[in-house]
Protein backbone atom coordinates (compact mmCIF):
# COMPACT_ATOMS: atom_id res chain seq x y z
CA MET A 1 88.51 102.76 71.85
CA THR A 2 92.15 103.41 71.88
CA LEU A 3 94.09 103.53 75.09
CA LYS A 4 94.65 107.14 74.55
CA ASP A 5 90.87 107.69 74.69
CA LEU A 6 90.77 105.35 77.62
CA LYS A 7 93.58 107.60 79.19
CA SER A 8 91.62 110.77 78.63
CA GLU A 9 88.71 108.95 80.28
CA VAL A 10 90.30 107.90 83.51
CA LEU A 11 91.93 111.38 83.95
CA SER A 12 88.46 113.14 84.21
CA CYS A 13 86.91 110.34 86.02
CA THR A 14 84.29 111.47 88.88
CA LYS A 15 82.92 108.20 89.59
CA CYS A 16 84.10 107.57 93.10
CA PRO A 17 85.30 110.10 95.82
CA LEU A 18 89.05 109.54 95.22
CA HIS A 19 89.17 112.17 92.26
CA LYS A 20 88.51 114.46 94.84
CA THR A 21 91.57 113.93 96.84
CA LYS A 22 93.80 112.92 94.18
CA THR A 23 96.64 115.14 92.41
CA ASN A 24 96.99 113.08 89.82
CA ALA A 25 94.97 110.19 88.51
CA VAL A 26 97.45 107.38 87.55
CA PHE A 27 96.31 105.82 84.23
CA GLY A 28 99.22 103.42 83.65
CA ASN A 29 102.60 103.42 81.66
CA GLY A 30 104.86 101.29 79.87
CA ASN A 31 104.96 99.66 76.23
CA PRO A 32 101.47 99.42 74.98
CA ASP A 33 102.14 96.53 72.99
CA ALA A 34 103.85 94.88 75.88
CA GLU A 35 103.09 90.96 76.45
CA LEU A 36 103.64 91.36 80.04
CA MET A 37 101.34 93.47 81.93
CA ILE A 38 101.82 94.24 85.68
CA ILE A 39 98.78 95.05 88.17
CA ALA A 40 99.27 96.36 91.26
CA GLU A 41 97.22 97.90 94.17
CA ALA A 42 96.81 101.90 93.57
CA PRO A 43 98.98 104.97 93.39
CA GLY A 44 100.74 106.06 96.48
CA TYR A 45 102.07 109.34 97.31
CA TYR A 46 104.80 109.65 94.68
CA GLU A 47 102.42 108.38 91.92
CA ASP A 48 99.98 110.82 93.16
CA GLN A 49 102.44 113.43 92.75
CA SER A 50 104.03 112.54 89.36
CA GLY A 51 101.16 110.71 87.90
CA VAL A 52 103.80 107.74 86.92
CA VAL A 53 103.38 104.12 88.15
CA PHE A 54 105.76 102.69 90.62
CA GLN A 55 107.70 105.80 91.93
CA GLY A 56 109.78 105.53 95.10
CA LYS A 57 111.73 102.81 96.85
CA SER A 58 109.07 100.61 95.68
CA GLY A 59 109.46 101.53 92.22
CA LYS A 60 112.90 101.33 92.50
CA LEU A 61 113.02 97.48 93.89
CA LEU A 62 110.57 96.67 91.25
CA ASP A 63 112.70 97.86 88.39
CA LYS A 64 115.55 95.99 90.20
CA ILE A 65 113.43 92.73 90.33
CA LEU A 66 112.47 93.19 86.49
CA ALA A 67 116.05 93.77 85.47
CA ALA A 68 117.25 90.56 87.16
CA GLY A 69 114.53 88.73 84.85
CA GLY A 70 115.96 90.54 81.80
CA PHE A 71 113.06 93.12 81.54
CA ASP A 72 112.94 96.60 81.11
CA ARG A 73 109.35 98.25 82.30
CA ASN A 74 109.66 100.84 79.21
CA ARG A 75 110.24 97.91 76.57
CA HIS A 76 108.59 94.79 77.93
CA ILE A 77 106.06 95.73 80.45
CA TYR A 78 102.84 97.66 80.98
CA ILE A 79 101.95 98.94 84.21
CA SER A 80 98.70 99.56 85.94
CA ASN A 81 96.49 99.89 89.29
CA ILE A 82 93.25 98.46 90.19
CA VAL A 83 92.65 101.71 91.23
CA LYS A 84 94.07 104.90 89.40
CA CYS A 85 93.79 107.48 92.20
CA ARG A 86 95.40 107.51 95.23
CA PRO A 87 93.09 106.64 98.44
CA PRO A 88 94.08 108.73 101.58
CA SER A 89 96.97 107.86 103.63
CA ASN A 90 97.79 104.87 101.07
CA ARG A 91 95.06 102.90 102.59
CA ALA A 92 93.68 99.85 100.57
CA PRO A 93 91.22 100.96 98.15
CA ASN A 94 87.49 100.27 99.10
CA LYS A 95 84.75 98.00 97.25
CA ILE A 96 83.09 101.38 95.57
CA GLU A 97 86.62 102.84 94.41
CA LYS A 98 87.34 99.54 92.86
CA ASP A 99 84.02 99.04 91.28
CA ALA A 100 84.40 102.18 89.81
CA CYS A 101 87.68 101.52 88.13
CA LEU A 102 87.68 98.12 87.42
CA PRO A 103 86.03 98.71 84.03
CA TYR A 104 88.89 100.66 83.04
CA LEU A 105 91.36 98.06 84.13
CA TYR A 106 89.55 95.55 81.99
CA GLU A 107 89.60 97.78 78.90
CA GLN A 108 93.29 98.30 79.46
CA ILE A 109 93.92 94.62 79.59
CA GLU A 110 91.84 94.41 76.37
CA LEU A 111 93.61 96.76 74.58
CA ILE A 112 97.01 96.11 75.80
CA ASP A 113 96.36 92.47 75.24
CA PRO A 114 99.17 90.86 77.03
CA GLU A 115 100.30 87.24 77.32
CA ILE A 116 100.99 87.46 80.85
CA ILE A 117 99.71 89.57 83.57
CA ILE A 118 101.71 89.60 87.03
CA LEU A 119 99.73 91.19 90.20
CA LEU A 120 101.81 92.53 92.82
CA GLY A 121 99.85 91.93 96.13
CA ALA A 122 96.59 90.97 97.92
CA THR A 123 94.85 93.87 96.54
CA ALA A 124 95.54 93.16 92.86
CA LEU A 125 94.82 89.55 93.41
CA LYS A 126 91.42 90.04 95.31
CA GLY A 127 90.47 92.94 92.88
CA LEU A 128 91.01 90.84 89.48
CA ILE A 129 90.63 87.11 90.46
CA ASP A 130 88.99 86.65 93.78
CA PRO A 131 87.81 88.51 96.69
CA TYR A 132 88.71 85.70 99.04
CA ALA A 133 91.98 84.76 97.63
CA LYS A 134 94.82 84.62 99.81
CA ILE A 135 98.13 85.91 98.30
CA THR A 136 100.52 83.56 100.73
CA GLN A 137 98.54 80.81 99.35
CA VAL A 138 98.57 81.29 95.51
CA ARG A 139 101.53 83.32 94.86
CA GLY A 140 103.72 81.76 92.54
CA GLN A 141 100.80 79.74 90.97
CA TRP A 142 99.87 80.27 87.20
CA ILE A 143 96.19 81.30 86.97
CA ASN A 144 93.76 81.04 83.88
CA TRP A 145 92.05 84.35 84.04
CA ASN A 146 89.62 85.11 80.84
CA GLY A 147 92.12 83.05 78.74
CA ARG A 148 95.27 84.87 79.72
CA LEU A 149 98.05 83.46 82.16
CA VAL A 150 98.02 85.52 85.29
CA ILE A 151 100.49 84.87 88.17
CA PRO A 152 100.17 86.69 91.54
CA THR A 153 103.37 87.69 93.66
CA PHE A 154 104.18 89.66 96.60
CA HIS A 155 104.22 93.42 95.98
CA PRO A 156 107.81 95.09 96.31
CA SER A 157 106.71 97.62 99.41
CA ALA A 158 105.75 94.04 101.01
CA LEU A 159 109.59 93.12 100.34
CA LEU A 160 110.78 96.50 102.03
CA ARG A 161 108.91 95.29 105.05
CA ASN A 162 110.00 91.59 104.95
CA PRO A 163 113.17 91.09 103.43
CA ASP A 164 112.44 87.30 103.71
CA LEU A 165 109.75 87.50 100.91
CA LYS A 166 112.66 88.28 98.43
CA ARG A 167 113.29 84.47 97.82
CA PRO A 168 109.61 83.71 96.97
CA VAL A 169 109.54 86.65 94.67
CA TRP A 170 112.76 85.25 92.98
CA GLU A 171 111.25 82.04 92.37
CA ASP A 172 108.18 83.79 90.69
CA ILE A 173 110.26 86.17 88.30
CA LYS A 174 112.07 82.65 87.40
CA LYS A 175 108.57 81.12 86.52
CA ILE A 176 107.80 84.35 84.34
CA VAL A 177 111.22 84.16 82.78
CA ALA A 178 110.53 80.43 81.56
CA LYS A 179 106.77 81.32 80.32
CA TYR A 180 107.84 84.57 78.71
CA ARG A 181 110.30 82.41 76.72
CA GLU A 182 107.96 79.69 76.14
CA LEU A 183 105.23 82.19 74.78
CA VAL A 184 106.73 85.37 73.45
CA ASP A 185 110.49 85.14 73.03
CA PRO A 186 112.77 81.67 73.00
CA GLU A 187 115.69 84.03 73.13
CA HIS A 188 114.65 86.26 76.04
CA TYR A 189 118.08 87.03 77.82
CA SER A 190 118.51 86.98 81.47
CA VAL A 191 121.95 87.28 83.43
CA TYR A 192 120.38 85.59 86.40
CA CYS A 193 118.24 82.94 84.95
């Protein structure tokens, strides 16, 4: 299966009730050959309207965070979510929704084959790694998952609600830059780290 085939399958998916309330399924986007993959929770209002991941205020903040690390979402990164359709009222996806979508995400990860996976927020952490994990306890720690390096950090929307979380996320970005230089590109340039 190719990424294009998988996207076609996701866009026509009816495996959970979210397909009935969505405007657009949001498959993911960025560089399909990226060595960095970001996984977040689920599409929000703006993503549902556009079909593109990380729009609106959270998307703008994510772009600023990535740029500080010398990363561009179209060049260095591929971004996806635990679920591909927006849950009503932006609630967290439930078990049925996650169980329906996770096989798509696993296939995306295999096809993109990133060196590093960044998990944004508790839902991404619980959905991919451990349903009982707490983002406040494991944020910033490297986890070996299926032979891949994974690092959880706070979601940009959490930073918008609580600016005190910006410092811990910056510390995580510095770790990601260092690991990217170690594993992918020793010459990777960032003005800030």
